[in-house]
Amino acid sequence: MSDYLSDEEQSERLQRWWGENWKSLVGSVLLAMVAVVGWNEYQSYTVARNQSAAKAYQSFIDARDAGQPVEDLLSEIDDEHGKTSYQIFSFLYRAKDAVTESDWDTALGYLNSATLLTNDPELLDLVRLRKARVQFQLEKFDETLATLGEIKGVGFKVGVSELTGDIHRSLNDKVRAAEAYQAAIAEAEDSSAVVILKLKLSSLGIDP
């Protein structure tokens, strides 16, 4: 029927419809605009935050390499960029520096903190392998084996097997140590790593 209404009648109907629905239409448009603006602001905030975190982390690396104080830069990373990948990598460097000083407990603390900040499988495996090496130095052999058991990545098999062999050798279990070293040799592609593994195997009185 609307096709046959006069222009005046159609205009009146349109006006009535607009009077009944304009609030909801305007509200929907405003909500859509707010959502778009909010998303754009969030994106801009995220980019700016990542850039700020990257700058702080690079400043830390530069200062560390130059032998300059890094405490303020690390505080900035922890306070303003906590729970980011940059904080995780800073923990790895802090653990490495603690290991250089033979401060094994401090190194272990940093590595424990790093494991709580990521769900990335490869990064977790890397942190866990370093954690296991520190636990080994602390002669926490059962804990070391437990940590090694959590590492699933194929690329870490050599390191896991070698450290497993080191643990069993320290426990005077030559059979298990030899099995672990042989497993590491079978997986190793680095010739220098193979040489070291064969030397460890020879130290058990076994011909590689």
N, C-alpha and C. Protein backbone atom coordinates (compact mmCIF):
# COMPACT_ATOMS: atom_id res chain seq x y z
N MET A 1 0.81 -1.21 0.00
CA MET A 1 0.00 0.00 0.00
C MET A 1 0.85 1.27 0.00
N SER A 2 2.03 1.20 0.68
CA SER A 2 2.83 2.42 0.81
C SER A 2 3.22 2.98 -0.55
N ASP A 3 3.29 2.13 -1.56
CA ASP A 3 3.65 2.61 -2.89
C ASP A 3 2.60 3.56 -3.46
N TYR A 4 1.39 3.46 -2.93
CA TYR A 4 0.29 4.24 -3.49
C TYR A 4 -0.08 5.43 -2.61
N LEU A 5 0.66 5.62 -1.47
CA LEU A 5 0.38 6.77 -0.61
C LEU A 5 0.91 8.04 -1.27
N SER A 6 0.26 9.13 -0.96
CA SER A 6 0.71 10.41 -1.50
C SER A 6 2.02 10.81 -0.85
N ASP A 7 2.71 11.73 -1.48
CA ASP A 7 3.98 12.22 -0.92
C ASP A 7 3.77 12.78 0.47
N GLU A 8 2.67 13.45 0.67
CA GLU A 8 2.38 14.07 1.97
C GLU A 8 2.17 13.00 3.04
N GLU A 9 1.40 11.93 2.67
CA GLU A 9 1.15 10.86 3.63
C GLU A 9 2.45 10.12 3.98
N GLN A 10 3.28 9.88 2.96
CA GLN A 10 4.55 9.20 3.22
C GLN A 10 5.45 10.05 4.11
N SER A 11 5.40 11.37 3.89
CA SER A 11 6.21 12.28 4.70
C SER A 11 5.75 12.24 6.15
N GLU A 12 4.42 12.22 6.35
CA GLU A 12 3.89 12.18 7.71
C GLU A 12 4.27 10.88 8.41
N ARG A 13 4.20 9.78 7.68
CA ARG A 13 4.58 8.49 8.25
C ARG A 13 6.06 8.48 8.64
N LEU A 14 6.89 9.03 7.76
CA LEU A 14 8.32 9.07 8.03
C LEU A 14 8.62 9.90 9.27
N GLN A 15 7.89 11.03 9.39
CA GLN A 15 8.09 11.88 10.55
C GLN A 15 7.67 11.16 11.83
N ARG A 16 6.54 10.44 11.79
CA ARG A 16 6.10 9.70 12.96
C ARG A 16 7.11 8.61 13.34
N TRP A 17 7.58 7.92 12.31
CA TRP A 17 8.57 6.84 12.57
C TRP A 17 9.84 7.40 13.18
N TRP A 18 10.28 8.56 12.63
CA TRP A 18 11.49 9.18 13.16
C TRP A 18 11.29 9.64 14.60
N GLY A 19 10.10 10.18 14.89
CA GLY A 19 9.81 10.62 16.23
C GLY A 19 9.81 9.47 17.23
N GLU A 20 9.43 8.30 16.79
CA GLU A 20 9.38 7.15 17.68
C GLU A 20 10.74 6.46 17.82
N ASN A 21 11.61 6.62 16.82
CA ASN A 21 12.83 5.82 16.80
C ASN A 21 14.14 6.60 16.82
N TRP A 22 14.08 7.92 16.79
CA TRP A 22 15.33 8.68 16.64
C TRP A 22 16.29 8.47 17.81
N LYS A 23 15.76 8.32 19.01
CA LYS A 23 16.64 8.16 20.17
C LYS A 23 17.47 6.89 20.09
N SER A 24 16.78 5.79 19.71
CA SER A 24 17.52 4.52 19.64
C SER A 24 18.52 4.53 18.50
N LEU A 25 18.15 5.18 17.37
CA LEU A 25 19.08 5.25 16.24
C LEU A 25 20.31 6.08 16.58
N VAL A 26 20.08 7.24 17.16
CA VAL A 26 21.20 8.09 17.53
C VAL A 26 22.07 7.40 18.58
N GLY A 27 21.40 6.72 19.52
CA GLY A 27 22.15 6.00 20.55
C GLY A 27 23.03 4.93 19.95
N SER A 28 22.50 4.19 18.97
CA SER A 28 23.29 3.14 18.32
C SER A 28 24.49 3.72 17.59
N VAL A 29 24.27 4.84 16.90
CA VAL A 29 25.36 5.48 16.17
C VAL A 29 26.44 5.97 17.13
N LEU A 30 26.01 6.57 18.24
CA LEU A 30 26.96 7.07 19.23
C LEU A 30 27.77 5.93 19.84
N LEU A 31 27.08 4.82 20.15
CA LEU A 31 27.79 3.65 20.71
C LEU A 31 28.83 3.12 19.73
N ALA A 32 28.46 3.08 18.46
CA ALA A 32 29.39 2.61 17.44
C ALA A 32 30.60 3.54 17.35
N MET A 33 30.34 4.83 17.42
CA MET A 33 31.43 5.81 17.35
C MET A 33 32.35 5.69 18.56
N VAL A 34 31.73 5.52 19.74
CA VAL A 34 32.53 5.37 20.96
C VAL A 34 33.39 4.12 20.88
N ALA A 35 32.80 3.03 20.36
CA ALA A 35 33.54 1.77 20.25
C ALA A 35 34.74 1.93 19.33
N VAL A 36 34.54 2.60 18.18
CA VAL A 36 35.63 2.79 17.23
C VAL A 36 36.72 3.67 17.83
N VAL A 37 36.30 4.78 18.44
CA VAL A 37 37.27 5.69 19.05
C VAL A 37 38.02 4.98 20.18
N GLY A 38 37.28 4.23 21.00
CA GLY A 38 37.91 3.50 22.10
C GLY A 38 38.91 2.49 21.61
N TRP A 39 38.57 1.76 20.56
CA TRP A 39 39.48 0.76 20.01
C TRP A 39 40.74 1.42 19.45
N ASN A 40 40.56 2.53 18.74
CA ASN A 40 41.71 3.24 18.18
C ASN A 40 42.62 3.78 19.28
N GLU A 41 41.99 4.28 20.35
CA GLU A 41 42.79 4.79 21.47
C GLU A 41 43.54 3.65 22.15
N TYR A 42 42.89 2.51 22.28
CA TYR A 42 43.54 1.35 22.89
C TYR A 42 44.72 0.89 22.04
N GLN A 43 44.51 0.86 20.72
CA GLN A 43 45.59 0.47 19.82
C GLN A 43 46.76 1.44 19.93
N SER A 44 46.47 2.72 19.97
CA SER A 44 47.52 3.73 20.08
C SER A 44 48.26 3.59 21.41
N TYR A 45 47.49 3.33 22.47
CA TYR A 45 48.10 3.14 23.79
C TYR A 45 49.02 1.92 23.80
N THR A 46 48.56 0.82 23.18
CA THR A 46 49.35 -0.41 23.14
C THR A 46 50.65 -0.21 22.38
N VAL A 47 50.57 0.47 21.24
CA VAL A 47 51.76 0.73 20.44
C VAL A 47 52.73 1.61 21.22
N ALA A 48 52.21 2.66 21.85
CA ALA A 48 53.07 3.57 22.61
C ALA A 48 53.72 2.85 23.78
N ARG A 49 52.96 1.98 24.45
CA ARG A 49 53.50 1.24 25.59
C ARG A 49 54.59 0.27 25.15
N ASN A 50 54.37 -0.41 24.03
CA ASN A 50 55.39 -1.33 23.51
C ASN A 50 56.65 -0.58 23.11
N GLN A 51 56.48 0.58 22.51
CA GLN A 51 57.64 1.37 22.11
C GLN A 51 58.41 1.84 23.33
N SER A 52 57.69 2.24 24.36
CA SER A 52 58.33 2.69 25.60
C SER A 52 59.08 1.54 26.27
N ALA A 53 58.46 0.35 26.28
CA ALA A 53 59.09 -0.83 26.88
C ALA A 53 60.35 -1.21 26.11
N ALA A 54 60.26 -1.18 24.78
CA ALA A 54 61.41 -1.53 23.94
C ALA A 54 62.56 -0.55 24.16
N LYS A 55 62.22 0.72 24.31
CA LYS A 55 63.25 1.74 24.53
C LYS A 55 63.93 1.53 25.88
N ALA A 56 63.15 1.25 26.92
CA ALA A 56 63.71 1.01 28.24
C ALA A 56 64.60 -0.22 28.24
N TYR A 57 64.16 -1.27 27.56
CA TYR A 57 64.94 -2.51 27.50
C TYR A 57 66.25 -2.29 26.75
N GLN A 58 66.19 -1.58 25.62
CA GLN A 58 67.41 -1.33 24.85
C GLN A 58 68.38 -0.46 25.65
N SER A 59 67.84 0.49 26.42
CA SER A 59 68.70 1.32 27.26
C SER A 59 69.40 0.47 28.31
N PHE A 60 68.67 -0.50 28.85
CA PHE A 60 69.25 -1.43 29.83
C PHE A 60 70.38 -2.24 29.19
N ILE A 61 70.14 -2.78 27.99
CA ILE A 61 71.15 -3.59 27.30
C ILE A 61 72.39 -2.75 27.01
N ASP A 62 72.18 -1.53 26.53
CA ASP A 62 73.32 -0.66 26.19
C ASP A 62 74.13 -0.34 27.44
N ALA A 63 73.43 -0.02 28.53
CA ALA A 63 74.13 0.32 29.77
C ALA A 63 74.87 -0.90 30.33
N ARG A 64 74.23 -2.06 30.26
CA ARG A 64 74.84 -3.29 30.75
C ARG A 64 76.10 -3.60 29.96
N ASP A 65 76.03 -3.50 28.63
CA ASP A 65 77.18 -3.80 27.79
C ASP A 65 78.32 -2.82 28.02
N ALA A 66 77.96 -1.59 28.40
CA ALA A 66 78.98 -0.55 28.63
C ALA A 66 79.50 -0.57 30.06
N GLY A 67 78.97 -1.47 30.86
CA GLY A 67 79.41 -1.54 32.25
C GLY A 67 78.89 -0.41 33.12
N GLN A 68 77.79 0.21 32.70
CA GLN A 68 77.22 1.33 33.43
C GLN A 68 76.14 0.83 34.40
N PRO A 69 75.75 1.63 35.38
CA PRO A 69 74.68 1.23 36.32
C PRO A 69 73.37 0.97 35.60
N VAL A 70 72.69 -0.06 36.01
CA VAL A 70 71.44 -0.44 35.34
C VAL A 70 70.26 -0.51 36.31
N GLU A 71 70.49 -0.21 37.56
CA GLU A 71 69.44 -0.39 38.57
C GLU A 71 68.19 0.44 38.25
N ASP A 72 68.37 1.71 37.88
CA ASP A 72 67.22 2.57 37.59
C ASP A 72 66.46 2.07 36.36
N LEU A 73 67.20 1.60 35.37
CA LEU A 73 66.55 1.09 34.16
C LEU A 73 65.77 -0.18 34.45
N LEU A 74 66.31 -1.05 35.29
CA LEU A 74 65.60 -2.26 35.66
C LEU A 74 64.36 -1.94 36.48
N SER A 75 64.46 -0.92 37.33
CA SER A 75 63.29 -0.51 38.11
C SER A 75 62.20 0.01 37.19
N GLU A 76 62.60 0.74 36.15
CA GLU A 76 61.62 1.24 35.18
C GLU A 76 60.93 0.08 34.46
N ILE A 77 61.71 -0.91 34.06
CA ILE A 77 61.13 -2.07 33.37
C ILE A 77 60.16 -2.80 34.29
N ASP A 78 60.55 -2.99 35.55
CA ASP A 78 59.69 -3.72 36.50
C ASP A 78 58.44 -2.94 36.85
N ASP A 79 58.59 -1.63 37.05
CA ASP A 79 57.46 -0.82 37.52
C ASP A 79 56.49 -0.44 36.40
N GLU A 80 57.03 -0.15 35.22
CA GLU A 80 56.19 0.36 34.14
C GLU A 80 55.92 -0.65 33.04
N HIS A 81 56.74 -1.70 32.97
CA HIS A 81 56.58 -2.66 31.88
C HIS A 81 56.61 -4.09 32.40
N GLY A 82 56.05 -4.27 33.59
CA GLY A 82 55.99 -5.60 34.16
C GLY A 82 55.09 -6.52 33.35
N LYS A 83 55.38 -7.81 33.41
CA LYS A 83 54.61 -8.84 32.72
C LYS A 83 54.68 -8.73 31.21
N THR A 84 55.69 -8.07 30.71
CA THR A 84 55.91 -8.02 29.25
C THR A 84 57.11 -8.90 28.91
N SER A 85 57.28 -9.16 27.63
CA SER A 85 58.42 -9.97 27.20
C SER A 85 59.74 -9.30 27.55
N TYR A 86 59.72 -7.96 27.61
CA TYR A 86 60.95 -7.24 27.94
C TYR A 86 61.37 -7.50 29.38
N GLN A 87 60.41 -7.62 30.28
CA GLN A 87 60.77 -7.95 31.65
C GLN A 87 61.31 -9.37 31.74
N ILE A 88 60.70 -10.28 30.98
CA ILE A 88 61.16 -11.67 30.98
C ILE A 88 62.62 -11.74 30.53
N PHE A 89 62.95 -11.07 29.41
CA PHE A 89 64.32 -11.11 28.92
C PHE A 89 65.28 -10.41 29.87
N SER A 90 64.79 -9.38 30.56
CA SER A 90 65.66 -8.74 31.55
C SER A 90 65.95 -9.69 32.70
N PHE A 91 64.99 -10.54 33.06
CA PHE A 91 65.22 -11.55 34.10
C PHE A 91 66.30 -12.54 33.65
N LEU A 92 66.29 -12.90 32.37
CA LEU A 92 67.30 -13.82 31.87
C LEU A 92 68.70 -13.20 31.97
N TYR A 93 68.80 -11.93 31.63
CA TYR A 93 70.09 -11.26 31.75
C TYR A 93 70.51 -11.12 33.21
N ARG A 94 69.54 -10.81 34.07
CA ARG A 94 69.87 -10.68 35.49
C ARG A 94 70.33 -12.02 36.06
N ALA A 95 69.68 -13.08 35.62
CA ALA A 95 70.09 -14.42 36.07
C ALA A 95 71.49 -14.74 35.57
N LYS A 96 71.76 -14.38 34.32
CA LYS A 96 73.09 -14.63 33.75
C LYS A 96 74.17 -13.89 34.52
N ASP A 97 73.90 -12.64 34.88
CA ASP A 97 74.88 -11.87 35.64
C ASP A 97 75.07 -12.45 37.04
N ALA A 98 73.99 -12.96 37.63
CA ALA A 98 74.10 -13.59 38.94
C ALA A 98 74.93 -14.87 38.87
N VAL A 99 74.76 -15.62 37.77
CA VAL A 99 75.55 -16.84 37.57
C VAL A 99 77.03 -16.49 37.46
N THR A 100 77.33 -15.39 36.76
CA THR A 100 78.72 -14.96 36.63
C THR A 100 79.35 -14.71 37.99
N GLU A 101 78.53 -14.26 38.93
CA GLU A 101 79.01 -14.00 40.29
C GLU A 101 78.86 -15.22 41.19
N SER A 102 78.46 -16.35 40.59
CA SER A 102 78.20 -17.59 41.34
C SER A 102 77.14 -17.40 42.41
N ASP A 103 76.23 -16.47 42.17
CA ASP A 103 75.11 -16.23 43.08
C ASP A 103 73.93 -17.05 42.58
N TRP A 104 74.00 -18.34 42.83
CA TRP A 104 73.05 -19.28 42.26
C TRP A 104 71.62 -19.07 42.77
N ASP A 105 71.47 -18.75 44.03
CA ASP A 105 70.12 -18.56 44.58
C ASP A 105 69.43 -17.37 43.95
N THR A 106 70.17 -16.29 43.77
CA THR A 106 69.59 -15.11 43.12
C THR A 106 69.22 -15.41 41.68
N ALA A 107 70.09 -16.12 40.99
CA ALA A 107 69.81 -16.51 39.60
C ALA A 107 68.55 -17.35 39.53
N LEU A 108 68.42 -18.29 40.46
CA LEU A 108 67.24 -19.16 40.47
C LEU A 108 65.97 -18.34 40.70
N GLY A 109 66.06 -17.33 41.55
CA GLY A 109 64.90 -16.48 41.80
C GLY A 109 64.44 -15.75 40.55
N TYR A 110 65.39 -15.22 39.79
CA TYR A 110 65.04 -14.53 38.55
C TYR A 110 64.40 -15.49 37.54
N LEU A 111 64.95 -16.68 37.45
CA LEU A 111 64.42 -17.66 36.48
C LEU A 111 63.05 -18.15 36.90
N ASN A 112 62.83 -18.30 38.19
CA ASN A 112 61.49 -18.67 38.67
C ASN A 112 60.48 -17.59 38.31
N SER A 113 60.89 -16.34 38.47
CA SER A 113 60.00 -15.23 38.12
C SER A 113 59.68 -15.23 36.63
N ALA A 114 60.68 -15.53 35.82
CA ALA A 114 60.48 -15.54 34.36
C ALA A 114 59.48 -16.61 33.94
N THR A 115 59.52 -17.78 34.61
CA THR A 115 58.61 -18.86 34.22
C THR A 115 57.15 -18.50 34.49
N LEU A 116 56.92 -17.56 35.39
CA LEU A 116 55.55 -17.17 35.74
C LEU A 116 54.95 -16.14 34.80
N LEU A 117 55.79 -15.61 33.89
CA LEU A 117 55.35 -14.50 33.06
C LEU A 117 55.07 -14.85 31.61
N THR A 118 55.23 -16.11 31.24
CA THR A 118 55.01 -16.46 29.83
C THR A 118 54.35 -17.83 29.69
N ASN A 119 53.57 -17.95 28.64
CA ASN A 119 52.99 -19.25 28.26
C ASN A 119 53.58 -19.73 26.94
N ASP A 120 54.56 -18.99 26.41
CA ASP A 120 55.18 -19.38 25.15
C ASP A 120 56.02 -20.65 25.36
N PRO A 121 55.70 -21.74 24.67
CA PRO A 121 56.38 -23.02 24.91
C PRO A 121 57.89 -22.97 24.75
N GLU A 122 58.37 -22.36 23.68
CA GLU A 122 59.82 -22.32 23.42
C GLU A 122 60.55 -21.48 24.46
N LEU A 123 59.97 -20.33 24.79
CA LEU A 123 60.59 -19.47 25.79
C LEU A 123 60.59 -20.15 27.15
N LEU A 124 59.50 -20.82 27.47
CA LEU A 124 59.43 -21.56 28.74
C LEU A 124 60.49 -22.65 28.79
N ASP A 125 60.67 -23.36 27.70
CA ASP A 125 61.70 -24.41 27.66
C ASP A 125 63.09 -23.83 27.87
N LEU A 126 63.36 -22.68 27.24
CA LEU A 126 64.65 -22.03 27.40
C LEU A 126 64.89 -21.65 28.86
N VAL A 127 63.89 -21.04 29.47
CA VAL A 127 64.02 -20.62 30.87
C VAL A 127 64.19 -21.84 31.77
N ARG A 128 63.42 -22.89 31.51
CA ARG A 128 63.50 -24.08 32.35
C ARG A 128 64.86 -24.78 32.25
N LEU A 129 65.43 -24.79 31.06
CA LEU A 129 66.75 -25.41 30.92
C LEU A 129 67.79 -24.63 31.71
N ARG A 130 67.72 -23.31 31.64
CA ARG A 130 68.66 -22.49 32.43
C ARG A 130 68.39 -22.68 33.93
N LYS A 131 67.13 -22.77 34.27
CA LYS A 131 66.77 -23.00 35.67
C LYS A 131 67.33 -24.34 36.15
N ALA A 132 67.22 -25.37 35.33
CA ALA A 132 67.73 -26.69 35.69
C ALA A 132 69.24 -26.64 35.90
N ARG A 133 69.95 -25.90 35.06
CA ARG A 133 71.40 -25.80 35.22
C ARG A 133 71.78 -25.14 36.54
N VAL A 134 70.99 -24.14 36.93
CA VAL A 134 71.25 -23.48 38.21
C VAL A 134 70.93 -24.43 39.36
N GLN A 135 69.82 -25.15 39.26
CA GLN A 135 69.47 -26.12 40.29
C GLN A 135 70.55 -27.19 40.44
N PHE A 136 71.13 -27.58 39.33
CA PHE A 136 72.22 -28.57 39.35
C PHE A 136 73.42 -28.03 40.13
N GLN A 137 73.74 -26.77 39.91
CA GLN A 137 74.85 -26.16 40.63
C GLN A 137 74.58 -26.10 42.13
N LEU A 138 73.31 -25.99 42.48
CA LEU A 138 72.92 -25.98 43.89
C LEU A 138 72.77 -27.39 44.44
N GLU A 139 73.06 -28.39 43.59
CA GLU A 139 72.98 -29.81 43.95
C GLU A 139 71.57 -30.22 44.38
N LYS A 140 70.59 -29.57 43.76
CA LYS A 140 69.20 -29.95 43.96
C LYS A 140 68.82 -30.91 42.82
N PHE A 141 69.35 -32.12 42.91
CA PHE A 141 69.27 -33.04 41.78
C PHE A 141 67.84 -33.50 41.47
N ASP A 142 67.06 -33.79 42.49
CA ASP A 142 65.67 -34.21 42.24
C ASP A 142 64.87 -33.08 41.59
N GLU A 143 65.08 -31.86 42.08
CA GLU A 143 64.37 -30.72 41.50
C GLU A 143 64.84 -30.47 40.07
N THR A 144 66.13 -30.68 39.84
CA THR A 144 66.66 -30.50 38.49
C THR A 144 66.01 -31.48 37.52
N LEU A 145 65.91 -32.73 37.92
CA LEU A 145 65.27 -33.73 37.05
C LEU A 145 63.81 -33.40 36.81
N ALA A 146 63.14 -32.88 37.84
CA ALA A 146 61.73 -32.50 37.67
C ALA A 146 61.59 -31.35 36.67
N THR A 147 62.49 -30.39 36.76
CA THR A 147 62.45 -29.26 35.82
C THR A 147 62.74 -29.74 34.39
N LEU A 148 63.72 -30.61 34.25
CA LEU A 148 64.04 -31.15 32.92
C LEU A 148 62.86 -31.92 32.34
N GLY A 149 62.10 -32.57 33.21
CA GLY A 149 60.94 -33.33 32.74
C GLY A 149 59.84 -32.46 32.18
N GLU A 150 59.87 -31.16 32.49
CA GLU A 150 58.86 -30.23 31.98
C GLU A 150 59.21 -29.68 30.60
N ILE A 151 60.44 -29.92 30.16
CA ILE A 151 60.89 -29.39 28.87
C ILE A 151 60.48 -30.34 27.75
N LYS A 152 59.70 -29.83 26.81
CA LYS A 152 59.13 -30.68 25.76
C LYS A 152 59.67 -30.40 24.37
N GLY A 153 60.30 -29.26 24.17
CA GLY A 153 60.74 -28.88 22.82
C GLY A 153 61.84 -29.77 22.26
N VAL A 154 61.69 -30.13 21.00
CA VAL A 154 62.67 -30.99 20.33
C VAL A 154 64.05 -30.33 20.31
N GLY A 155 64.09 -29.03 20.16
CA GLY A 155 65.35 -28.33 20.06
C GLY A 155 66.17 -28.31 21.34
N PHE A 156 65.58 -28.79 22.43
CA PHE A 156 66.27 -28.78 23.72
C PHE A 156 66.67 -30.19 24.17
N LYS A 157 66.48 -31.15 23.30
CA LYS A 157 66.75 -32.54 23.68
C LYS A 157 68.21 -32.77 24.08
N VAL A 158 69.14 -32.19 23.33
CA VAL A 158 70.56 -32.40 23.63
C VAL A 158 70.91 -31.85 25.00
N GLY A 159 70.47 -30.63 25.27
CA GLY A 159 70.75 -30.01 26.56
C GLY A 159 70.14 -30.77 27.71
N VAL A 160 68.91 -31.25 27.52
CA VAL A 160 68.23 -32.02 28.56
C VAL A 160 68.97 -33.33 28.83
N SER A 161 69.33 -34.03 27.77
CA SER A 161 70.01 -35.32 27.93
C SER A 161 71.39 -35.14 28.57
N GLU A 162 72.12 -34.11 28.13
CA GLU A 162 73.45 -33.88 28.69
C GLU A 162 73.37 -33.59 30.18
N LEU A 163 72.46 -32.70 30.58
CA LEU A 163 72.35 -32.35 31.99
C LEU A 163 71.85 -33.55 32.81
N THR A 164 70.97 -34.35 32.21
CA THR A 164 70.52 -35.58 32.88
C THR A 164 71.71 -36.50 33.14
N GLY A 165 72.60 -36.61 32.14
CA GLY A 165 73.81 -37.41 32.32
C GLY A 165 74.69 -36.85 33.42
N ASP A 166 74.82 -35.52 33.48
CA ASP A 166 75.64 -34.89 34.51
C ASP A 166 75.10 -35.21 35.91
N ILE A 167 73.78 -35.18 36.03
CA ILE A 167 73.16 -35.48 37.33
C ILE A 167 73.46 -36.90 37.76
N HIS A 168 73.24 -37.85 36.87
CA HIS A 168 73.47 -39.26 37.22
C HIS A 168 74.96 -39.53 37.47
N ARG A 169 75.83 -38.83 36.75
CA ARG A 169 77.26 -38.99 37.02
C ARG A 169 77.59 -38.48 38.42
N SER A 170 76.97 -37.36 38.81
CA SER A 170 77.19 -36.82 40.15
C SER A 170 76.67 -37.77 41.23
N LEU A 171 75.65 -38.56 40.86
CA LEU A 171 75.07 -39.53 41.80
C LEU A 171 75.75 -40.90 41.69
N ASN A 172 76.82 -40.95 40.90
CA ASN A 172 77.59 -42.19 40.70
C ASN A 172 76.76 -43.30 40.04
N ASP A 173 75.77 -42.89 39.27
CA ASP A 173 74.98 -43.87 38.51
C ASP A 173 75.52 -43.84 37.07
N LYS A 174 76.57 -44.60 36.84
CA LYS A 174 77.26 -44.56 35.55
C LYS A 174 76.40 -45.10 34.40
N VAL A 175 75.56 -46.06 34.70
CA VAL A 175 74.73 -46.65 33.64
C VAL A 175 73.76 -45.60 33.08
N ARG A 176 73.03 -44.94 33.97
CA ARG A 176 72.08 -43.92 33.51
C ARG A 176 72.80 -42.72 32.91
N ALA A 177 73.93 -42.39 33.47
CA ALA A 177 74.70 -41.27 32.91
C ALA A 177 75.13 -41.58 31.49
N ALA A 178 75.61 -42.79 31.25
CA ALA A 178 76.04 -43.19 29.92
C ALA A 178 74.87 -43.18 28.94
N GLU A 179 73.74 -43.68 29.38
CA GLU A 179 72.55 -43.70 28.51
C GLU A 179 72.16 -42.28 28.10
N ALA A 180 72.22 -41.36 29.06
CA ALA A 180 71.84 -39.96 28.78
C ALA A 180 72.84 -39.32 27.81
N TYR A 181 74.14 -39.54 28.03
CA TYR A 181 75.14 -38.97 27.14
C TYR A 181 75.02 -39.54 25.72
N GLN A 182 74.76 -40.83 25.64
CA GLN A 182 74.60 -41.46 24.33
C GLN A 182 73.37 -40.91 23.60
N ALA A 183 72.33 -40.66 24.35
CA ALA A 183 71.12 -40.07 23.76
C ALA A 183 71.42 -38.66 23.25
N ALA A 184 72.21 -37.91 24.01
CA ALA A 184 72.58 -36.56 23.60
C ALA A 184 73.44 -36.59 22.34
N ILE A 185 74.38 -37.53 22.28
CA ILE A 185 75.24 -37.65 21.10
C ILE A 185 74.42 -37.98 19.86
N ALA A 186 73.42 -38.83 20.03
CA ALA A 186 72.58 -39.22 18.89
C ALA A 186 71.78 -38.04 18.35
N GLU A 187 71.46 -37.07 19.21
CA GLU A 187 70.65 -35.92 18.79
C GLU A 187 71.50 -34.74 18.36
N ALA A 188 72.75 -34.69 18.82
CA ALA A 188 73.59 -33.50 18.60
C ALA A 188 73.98 -33.33 17.14
N GLU A 189 73.92 -32.09 16.69
CA GLU A 189 74.35 -31.75 15.33
C GLU A 189 75.59 -30.88 15.34
N ASP A 190 75.87 -30.28 16.47
CA ASP A 190 77.05 -29.43 16.62
C ASP A 190 78.26 -30.31 16.94
N SER A 191 79.29 -30.23 16.09
CA SER A 191 80.45 -31.10 16.26
C SER A 191 81.18 -30.85 17.57
N SER A 192 81.25 -29.59 17.99
CA SER A 192 81.92 -29.28 19.25
C SER A 192 81.15 -29.86 20.44
N ALA A 193 79.82 -29.86 20.35
CA ALA A 193 79.00 -30.45 21.41
C ALA A 193 79.23 -31.95 21.47
N VAL A 194 79.36 -32.58 20.31
CA VAL A 194 79.60 -34.03 20.26
C VAL A 194 80.93 -34.37 20.92
N VAL A 195 81.94 -33.55 20.67
CA VAL A 195 83.26 -33.79 21.27
C VAL A 195 83.16 -33.76 22.79
N ILE A 196 82.49 -32.77 23.32
CA ILE A 196 82.34 -32.65 24.77
C ILE A 196 81.57 -33.83 25.34
N LEU A 197 80.52 -34.22 24.66
CA LEU A 197 79.71 -35.34 25.13
C LEU A 197 80.51 -36.64 25.12
N LYS A 198 81.32 -36.82 24.12
CA LYS A 198 82.14 -38.03 24.05
C LYS A 198 83.19 -38.05 25.15
N LEU A 199 83.72 -36.88 25.49
CA LEU A 199 84.67 -36.79 26.59
C LEU A 199 84.00 -37.16 27.91
N LYS A 200 82.77 -36.71 28.07
CA LYS A 200 82.03 -37.05 29.30
C LYS A 200 81.76 -38.55 29.35
N LEU A 201 81.45 -39.11 28.20
CA LEU A 201 81.19 -40.54 28.14
C LEU A 201 82.47 -41.32 28.45
N SER A 202 83.58 -40.83 27.93
CA SER A 202 84.88 -41.49 28.19
C SER A 202 85.24 -41.42 29.67
N SER A 203 84.83 -40.33 30.33
CA SER A 203 85.15 -40.19 31.76
C SER A 203 84.46 -41.25 32.61
N LEU A 204 83.46 -41.89 32.01
CA LEU A 204 82.76 -42.99 32.71
C LEU A 204 83.44 -44.34 32.43
N GLY A 205 84.49 -44.30 31.62
CA GLY A 205 85.17 -45.55 31.27
C GLY A 205 84.52 -46.27 30.13
N ILE A 206 83.73 -45.51 29.34
CA ILE A 206 83.01 -46.12 28.21
C ILE A 206 83.55 -45.52 26.92
N ASP A 207 83.87 -46.39 25.97
CA ASP A 207 84.37 -45.92 24.69
C ASP A 207 83.21 -45.37 23.86
N PRO A 208 83.29 -44.08 23.45
CA PRO A 208 82.17 -43.47 22.68
C PRO A 208 81.91 -44.21 21.37
